[in-house]
Amino acid sequence: MSTGAGMPPADGVRATGIGSWPGTDVREALRVVLGTLTGSVPEGVVGMPYLPELPARGPGSDLLGRGAHLLVDLPVDLQPQGWRLVDRPGRDHERAGALWGQDLDELAEALDGWAGPLKVQVAGPWTLAAGVWLPLGDRVLSDPGASRDLVASLAEGVAGHVADVRRLVPGADVVLQLDEPSLTAVSLGQVRSESGYSVLRTPGPAELTGALRDVVDAARTAGTVEVAVHSCAPDLPLDLLRRAGVDAVSLDVALLRRPGWDAVATLLDAGVGLWAGALPSDGPGTPTAAEHVDRLLVGWRELGLPVADLAGLTVTPSCGLAGSTPEEARATTAATVQAAARLAGIAAG
């Protein structure tokens, strides 16, 4: 399996998280994430730390609020329907900025002297277009012109964000994860209007691909070494993501059936990496790494993919961990490292 354009050479099976984390203390969350992913990891495993997102802190800590705050010259505020574009920044916009500032300060302190991969997550263009509302009217997605403006604004904001992270942690190889939980619904025309009686427009393939490519290209220009798109939703349009030029796709492998694995094989042949969501993020108790790795191996072997190519995978939980307890989140992260070690051992033969 070849690596995607712009991806650094793999030194082993990577282990990381999706992003969201329980609790309200970002310093403590960083301590646990860093300790688990960058401590005494097994041979053949590369831990990729990330900046945790803590939605329990309230408005501005959620996926849409954090992503919307990165928009340049498109201020938002929290209204009864959700995050809405407004004429001038309000209290909720400022709160989101303050939380971002706190997180980046804590990141710089926790990773002082760090040299290696570092992941940050932001909402992707189609999830924002489907979730943010126009000043007067429906969601941004309903208006092609407004959608274009949002994409351009997000691309500029993402570039600035990547540059900030590189400045704060100068030794880091910044990896960007675009969270696109709404991409499947947008691409299939399943996003309903405010009234609920109709669905919003379905962007064509060229518009869908072009918006993602614009953000990906902006992130690369700003210095990110890899861009992945993540979604926990089924039926993620993998071919669309390949054409958008992403370096990797992050998905829940438990949702894959044979057609899905066939699509994954096509991605791998095209040099697009797989971030395998192999550990459940919402199950009770401590996950057992071996049984979830075995499920991944079934699909891998049924396609006849080379076992040695398992060394190029990145292993993650299936989704974010905000719904877990702190103890469960820690256990799931540790199990992710164990799963990566098991895959590394199998790949090595």
Foldseek 3Di string as FASTA:
>chain_A
DFFAPLADDFPAAEEEAFAEDADDDQLVVQVLQCCQQPPPFDPRYHYAGERHQYCVVDQLSDQLNLLQLLFDCFEWDQDPLGIETDNDHDDSSVVNVVVVVVSLVSVLVSQPVPAEAYEYEHAALVQNQLRYAYPPFWGNLQDPVSSVSRLVRSLVSLLVVLLSSCVSNVNYQYEYEHEYQCQVCLQVQNRATPVRPHTGDRDDLVVSLVSLLSNVVSNVVSRHSFYEYEYADPPRPLVSVVSSRHREYEAECVRDDLVNLVSVVVCVVSNRAYAYQQAAQPDPDFDALVVSLVVVVVSCVVVPHQLLCLRRYHYYHRHHNRVDDNVNVSRRSNSSSVNSVVSRVSNVD
